[in-house]
Amino acid sequence: MQLQRLLSYTRKAVDEYDMIEEGDHIAVGISGGKDSLTLLYALHGLKRFYPKRFELSAVTVDLGFEDFDLSPVEALCRELSVPYRLVPSEIYDIPVSYTHLTLPTIA
């Protein structure tokens, strides 16, 4: 999809559903997948010309999976000048501690 078309669809949805108010701070939950990264990129583009000023940041909840590399997400956020926060959690450890199961790692 072309960038201009993506921005057009984003603007249409934001306007139609009155999703952004002046001064809002929008935190985009980033999983590292194409959906969340596309949303971040679209809102970053929209921010440049949207009449209502808003802040944008990105957040990822670290689920605790080994070898889950978020450095490309961090690099994109730096490139876009979007503040990025990685929130640590122990979600991965919870089922292991209660069930004594071994969960697979992401390859």
N, C-alpha and C. Protein backbone atom coordinates (compact mmCIF):
# COMPACT_ATOMS: atom_id res chain seq x y z
N MET A 1 0.85 -1.19 0.00
CA MET A 1 0.00 0.00 0.00
C MET A 1 0.89 1.24 0.00
N GLN A 2 0.50 2.21 -0.75
CA GLN A 2 1.24 3.46 -0.82
C GLN A 2 1.03 4.27 0.45
N LEU A 3 2.08 5.02 0.83
CA LEU A 3 2.02 5.82 2.05
C LEU A 3 0.87 6.82 2.02
N GLN A 4 0.69 7.49 0.91
CA GLN A 4 -0.38 8.49 0.82
C GLN A 4 -1.75 7.86 1.04
N ARG A 5 -1.95 6.67 0.52
CA ARG A 5 -3.23 5.97 0.69
C ARG A 5 -3.42 5.57 2.15
N LEU A 6 -2.35 5.07 2.79
CA LEU A 6 -2.41 4.70 4.20
C LEU A 6 -2.79 5.91 5.05
N LEU A 7 -2.14 7.05 4.79
CA LEU A 7 -2.45 8.26 5.55
C LEU A 7 -3.88 8.72 5.31
N SER A 8 -4.36 8.56 4.09
CA SER A 8 -5.74 8.94 3.77
C SER A 8 -6.74 8.09 4.56
N TYR A 9 -6.53 6.78 4.58
CA TYR A 9 -7.40 5.88 5.35
C TYR A 9 -7.33 6.18 6.85
N THR A 10 -6.13 6.46 7.32
CA THR A 10 -5.97 6.77 8.74
C THR A 10 -6.71 8.04 9.10
N ARG A 11 -6.53 9.07 8.30
CA ARG A 11 -7.20 10.35 8.56
C ARG A 11 -8.71 10.18 8.51
N LYS A 12 -9.20 9.43 7.54
CA LYS A 12 -10.65 9.21 7.41
C LYS A 12 -11.20 8.54 8.68
N ALA A 13 -10.53 7.50 9.16
CA ALA A 13 -11.00 6.80 10.36
C ALA A 13 -10.93 7.69 11.59
N VAL A 14 -9.84 8.43 11.74
CA VAL A 14 -9.68 9.33 12.89
C VAL A 14 -10.78 10.39 12.89
N ASP A 15 -11.05 10.96 11.73
CA ASP A 15 -12.09 12.00 11.64
C ASP A 15 -13.50 11.42 11.82
N GLU A 16 -13.76 10.30 11.14
CA GLU A 16 -15.11 9.71 11.19
C GLU A 16 -15.51 9.30 12.60
N TYR A 17 -14.56 8.79 13.36
CA TYR A 17 -14.86 8.30 14.71
C TYR A 17 -14.39 9.26 15.79
N ASP A 18 -13.96 10.45 15.39
CA ASP A 18 -13.54 11.49 16.34
C ASP A 18 -12.55 10.92 17.37
N MET A 19 -11.49 10.31 16.86
CA MET A 19 -10.56 9.56 17.71
C MET A 19 -9.48 10.40 18.37
N ILE A 20 -9.19 11.58 17.86
CA ILE A 20 -8.11 12.40 18.41
C ILE A 20 -8.65 13.77 18.77
N GLU A 21 -8.34 14.17 19.99
CA GLU A 21 -8.67 15.52 20.47
C GLU A 21 -7.38 16.30 20.65
N GLU A 22 -7.51 17.61 20.61
CA GLU A 22 -6.37 18.49 20.82
C GLU A 22 -5.66 18.13 22.13
N GLY A 23 -4.34 17.94 22.06
CA GLY A 23 -3.54 17.67 23.26
C GLY A 23 -3.48 16.21 23.69
N ASP A 24 -4.12 15.30 22.96
CA ASP A 24 -4.08 13.88 23.31
C ASP A 24 -2.65 13.34 23.27
N HIS A 25 -2.42 12.34 24.08
CA HIS A 25 -1.16 11.57 24.01
C HIS A 25 -1.57 10.15 23.65
N ILE A 26 -1.15 9.71 22.48
CA ILE A 26 -1.51 8.38 21.98
C ILE A 26 -0.32 7.46 22.17
N ALA A 27 -0.54 6.40 22.92
CA ALA A 27 0.49 5.38 23.12
C ALA A 27 0.10 4.17 22.27
N VAL A 28 0.95 3.83 21.32
CA VAL A 28 0.69 2.69 20.43
C VAL A 28 1.36 1.47 21.01
N GLY A 29 0.57 0.42 21.26
CA GLY A 29 1.13 -0.84 21.74
C GLY A 29 1.82 -1.55 20.59
N ILE A 30 3.13 -1.75 20.72
CA ILE A 30 3.93 -2.34 19.65
C ILE A 30 4.29 -3.77 19.99
N SER A 31 3.87 -4.68 19.12
CA SER A 31 4.22 -6.09 19.29
C SER A 31 5.45 -6.45 18.46
N GLY A 32 5.73 -5.63 17.48
CA GLY A 32 6.80 -5.94 16.54
C GLY A 32 6.25 -6.46 15.23
N GLY A 33 4.94 -6.70 15.18
CA GLY A 33 4.30 -7.18 13.96
C GLY A 33 3.93 -6.04 13.03
N LYS A 34 3.50 -6.41 11.84
CA LYS A 34 3.24 -5.39 10.83
C LYS A 34 2.04 -4.50 11.16
N ASP A 35 1.04 -5.02 11.86
CA ASP A 35 -0.14 -4.19 12.18
C ASP A 35 0.21 -3.04 13.11
N SER A 36 0.87 -3.34 14.22
CA SER A 36 1.19 -2.29 15.18
C SER A 36 2.22 -1.32 14.63
N LEU A 37 3.19 -1.81 13.85
CA LEU A 37 4.19 -0.93 13.27
C LEU A 37 3.59 -0.04 12.19
N THR A 38 2.63 -0.55 11.43
CA THR A 38 1.95 0.26 10.42
C THR A 38 1.13 1.35 11.09
N LEU A 39 0.45 1.03 12.18
CA LEU A 39 -0.32 2.03 12.91
C LEU A 39 0.61 3.13 13.43
N LEU A 40 1.74 2.75 13.99
CA LEU A 40 2.69 3.74 14.49
C LEU A 40 3.16 4.65 13.35
N TYR A 41 3.52 4.05 12.25
CA TYR A 41 4.00 4.81 11.10
C TYR A 41 2.91 5.74 10.56
N ALA A 42 1.68 5.24 10.49
CA ALA A 42 0.56 6.05 9.98
C ALA A 42 0.28 7.24 10.90
N LEU A 43 0.25 7.01 12.21
CA LEU A 43 -0.02 8.11 13.15
C LEU A 43 1.13 9.11 13.15
N HIS A 44 2.35 8.62 12.98
CA HIS A 44 3.49 9.53 12.88
C HIS A 44 3.33 10.43 11.65
N GLY A 45 2.93 9.86 10.53
CA GLY A 45 2.70 10.66 9.33
C GLY A 45 1.55 11.63 9.49
N LEU A 46 0.48 11.18 10.12
CA LEU A 46 -0.69 12.02 10.34
C LEU A 46 -0.35 13.21 11.23
N LYS A 47 0.50 12.98 12.21
CA LYS A 47 0.85 14.02 13.18
C LYS A 47 1.45 15.25 12.50
N ARG A 48 2.12 15.04 11.38
CA ARG A 48 2.79 16.15 10.70
C ARG A 48 1.83 17.19 10.14
N PHE A 49 0.61 16.77 9.77
CA PHE A 49 -0.30 17.73 9.14
C PHE A 49 -1.70 17.76 9.76
N TYR A 50 -1.96 16.96 10.79
CA TYR A 50 -3.31 16.92 11.37
C TYR A 50 -3.56 18.23 12.12
N PRO A 51 -4.76 18.82 12.00
CA PRO A 51 -5.00 20.12 12.63
C PRO A 51 -5.01 20.10 14.16
N LYS A 52 -5.31 18.96 14.75
CA LYS A 52 -5.28 18.85 16.21
C LYS A 52 -3.92 18.30 16.62
N ARG A 53 -3.25 19.01 17.49
CA ARG A 53 -1.92 18.58 17.94
C ARG A 53 -2.06 17.43 18.93
N PHE A 54 -1.19 16.43 18.78
CA PHE A 54 -1.19 15.30 19.71
C PHE A 54 0.22 14.76 19.84
N GLU A 55 0.47 14.09 20.94
CA GLU A 55 1.76 13.44 21.20
C GLU A 55 1.63 11.96 20.86
N LEU A 56 2.73 11.37 20.52
CA LEU A 56 2.75 9.97 20.12
C LEU A 56 3.91 9.28 20.80
N SER A 57 3.65 8.10 21.34
CA SER A 57 4.71 7.27 21.91
C SER A 57 4.40 5.81 21.61
N ALA A 58 5.41 4.98 21.81
CA ALA A 58 5.27 3.55 21.54
C ALA A 58 5.64 2.77 22.80
N VAL A 59 4.90 1.68 23.05
CA VAL A 59 5.10 0.87 24.25
C VAL A 59 5.05 -0.60 23.87
N THR A 60 5.98 -1.36 24.40
CA THR A 60 5.96 -2.82 24.25
C THR A 60 6.03 -3.44 25.63
N VAL A 61 5.16 -4.40 25.89
CA VAL A 61 5.24 -5.19 27.12
C VAL A 61 6.15 -6.37 26.83
N ASP A 62 7.27 -6.43 27.54
CA ASP A 62 8.22 -7.53 27.37
C ASP A 62 7.62 -8.76 28.06
N LEU A 63 7.25 -9.74 27.27
CA LEU A 63 6.61 -10.94 27.80
C LEU A 63 7.60 -11.92 28.41
N GLY A 64 8.89 -11.67 28.23
CA GLY A 64 9.91 -12.52 28.83
C GLY A 64 10.40 -13.65 27.96
N PHE A 65 10.02 -13.65 26.69
CA PHE A 65 10.51 -14.69 25.79
C PHE A 65 11.99 -14.48 25.53
N GLU A 66 12.74 -15.54 25.56
CA GLU A 66 14.16 -15.46 25.25
C GLU A 66 14.33 -15.19 23.77
N ASP A 67 15.39 -14.51 23.43
CA ASP A 67 15.76 -14.25 22.03
C ASP A 67 14.71 -13.48 21.25
N PHE A 68 13.90 -12.67 21.92
CA PHE A 68 12.93 -11.83 21.23
C PHE A 68 13.59 -10.46 21.05
N ASP A 69 14.05 -10.17 19.85
CA ASP A 69 14.85 -8.99 19.56
C ASP A 69 13.97 -7.79 19.19
N LEU A 70 13.97 -6.80 20.05
CA LEU A 70 13.18 -5.60 19.80
C LEU A 70 14.04 -4.45 19.29
N SER A 71 15.30 -4.70 18.98
CA SER A 71 16.17 -3.62 18.52
C SER A 71 15.67 -2.97 17.22
N PRO A 72 15.05 -3.72 16.28
CA PRO A 72 14.50 -3.03 15.10
C PRO A 72 13.37 -2.06 15.45
N VAL A 73 12.58 -2.40 16.46
CA VAL A 73 11.50 -1.50 16.90
C VAL A 73 12.11 -0.25 17.52
N GLU A 74 13.11 -0.45 18.37
CA GLU A 74 13.79 0.69 18.98
C GLU A 74 14.41 1.59 17.92
N ALA A 75 15.02 1.00 16.90
CA ALA A 75 15.64 1.78 15.83
C ALA A 75 14.60 2.58 15.05
N LEU A 76 13.45 1.96 14.74
CA LEU A 76 12.39 2.67 14.03
C LEU A 76 11.89 3.85 14.85
N CYS A 77 11.68 3.63 16.13
CA CYS A 77 11.20 4.72 16.99
C CYS A 77 12.21 5.87 17.05
N ARG A 78 13.49 5.53 17.11
CA ARG A 78 14.52 6.58 17.08
C ARG A 78 14.46 7.34 15.76
N GLU A 79 14.33 6.60 14.65
CA GLU A 79 14.26 7.22 13.33
C GLU A 79 13.07 8.16 13.22
N LEU A 80 11.94 7.78 13.81
CA LEU A 80 10.72 8.59 13.76
C LEU A 80 10.67 9.64 14.87
N SER A 81 11.65 9.61 15.78
CA SER A 81 11.66 10.50 16.96
C SER A 81 10.40 10.30 17.81
N VAL A 82 10.02 9.04 17.96
CA VAL A 82 8.87 8.67 18.79
C VAL A 82 9.42 8.03 20.07
N PRO A 83 9.08 8.58 21.24
CA PRO A 83 9.55 7.96 22.48
C PRO A 83 9.09 6.50 22.57
N TYR A 84 10.00 5.64 23.00
CA TYR A 84 9.71 4.20 23.08
C TYR A 84 9.98 3.71 24.50
N ARG A 85 9.07 2.91 25.00
CA ARG A 85 9.23 2.36 26.35
C ARG A 85 9.00 0.86 26.31
N LEU A 86 9.91 0.13 26.89
CA LEU A 86 9.79 -1.32 27.02
C LEU A 86 9.43 -1.60 28.48
N VAL A 87 8.26 -2.19 28.69
CA VAL A 87 7.77 -2.45 30.04
C VAL A 87 8.05 -3.91 30.38
N PRO A 88 8.91 -4.15 31.36
CA PRO A 88 9.21 -5.54 31.72
C PRO A 88 8.02 -6.20 32.42
N SER A 89 7.89 -7.49 32.23
CA SER A 89 6.85 -8.24 32.93
C SER A 89 7.36 -9.66 33.20
N GLU A 90 6.62 -10.37 33.97
CA GLU A 90 6.95 -11.76 34.26
C GLU A 90 5.86 -12.68 33.71
N ILE A 91 5.18 -12.24 32.69
CA ILE A 91 4.07 -13.00 32.13
C ILE A 91 4.50 -14.38 31.68
N TYR A 92 5.65 -14.48 31.03
CA TYR A 92 6.14 -15.76 30.55
C TYR A 92 6.35 -16.75 31.70
N ASP A 93 6.82 -16.24 32.84
CA ASP A 93 7.13 -17.10 33.98
C ASP A 93 5.90 -17.60 34.75
N ILE A 94 4.79 -16.91 34.63
CA ILE A 94 3.60 -17.27 35.43
C ILE A 94 3.10 -18.68 35.13
N PRO A 95 2.83 -19.05 33.87
CA PRO A 95 2.35 -20.42 33.64
C PRO A 95 3.40 -21.47 34.00
N VAL A 96 4.65 -21.14 33.83
CA VAL A 96 5.72 -22.09 34.16
C VAL A 96 5.75 -22.34 35.67
N SER A 97 5.63 -21.29 36.46
CA SER A 97 5.71 -21.45 37.91
C SER A 97 4.49 -22.16 38.49
N TYR A 98 3.32 -21.99 37.88
CA TYR A 98 2.12 -22.62 38.40
C TYR A 98 1.90 -24.04 37.89
N THR A 99 2.38 -24.31 36.70
CA THR A 99 2.10 -25.62 36.11
C THR A 99 3.33 -26.50 35.97
N HIS A 100 4.50 -25.90 36.16
CA HIS A 100 5.78 -26.60 36.01
C HIS A 100 5.97 -27.12 34.60
N LEU A 101 5.33 -26.45 33.63
CA LEU A 101 5.49 -26.80 32.23
C LEU A 101 6.66 -26.04 31.65
N THR A 102 7.21 -26.58 30.62
CA THR A 102 8.25 -25.89 29.88
C THR A 102 7.59 -25.31 28.63
N LEU A 103 7.67 -24.00 28.49
CA LEU A 103 7.09 -23.36 27.32
C LEU A 103 8.13 -23.26 26.22
N PRO A 104 7.69 -23.35 24.99
CA PRO A 104 8.64 -23.25 23.87
C PRO A 104 9.19 -21.83 23.77
N THR A 105 10.38 -21.70 23.23
CA THR A 105 10.96 -20.39 22.99
C THR A 105 10.68 -20.01 21.54
N ILE A 106 10.69 -18.72 21.29
CA ILE A 106 10.47 -18.23 19.94
C ILE A 106 11.79 -18.32 19.18
N ALA A 107 11.72 -18.93 18.03
CA ALA A 107 12.95 -19.07 17.23
C ALA A 107 13.05 -17.99 16.21
